[in-house]
Amino acid sequence: MASHQLDELERLHRPCGCARLCGRYTRGGCAVTLPAHAAICIDCDNCTAFGADQRKPDVIVLWPGSHGARDRWLVVEMKARGTDAGGITRQLQAGADAITAHPLFDIGGQPAEILPIVLHAKGFNTTAADALAANRIRFRGEPIPIVVKRCGFRLR
């Protein structure tokens, strides 16, 4: 990925102040560690691409691939506990929809891959985790499986 895409994403989100370079994103005691410090993390609660009452993921990450890996979007929801797999899936889908349709994510040369991730704490309902792992979101017409991991997950 050319650094101009990272710069463009940061520029588009500058007015709301919701974008920052990150190598690790933490929320409510849950964290995801990225292998590249050049990723851009968008805090969706502060992003104007989403309405105040609209479903949204916690964070969207533009992650540049390295060593031949493909660039990708990460759509991440972090949960301390949960039982509503359908609601969590809709939050992830809202992130994927924003990436494909909202001008704040139009950076040109879009990454072709997305990885929807749910990170959960120990108290997360195992039935909900199993249901999430069986669910899919759609990205550019393709069904994409949801990855379910414990908080502290390190992407490789």
Foldseek 3Di string as FASTA:
>chain_A
DDLLLVVLLCVLQVVLPFKDQAQKDDDPRFIEGEPDSRKIKGQVCSGPLADNPGQAARIKIFAPDPPPDFTEIEGEHEEAEDDCLVSLLVRSLSHLCCCVDPPSNPRPPDTPYYAYEYEYEPRYDVVSLVVQQVAFHAHPRDTDGHHYYYGPHYDD
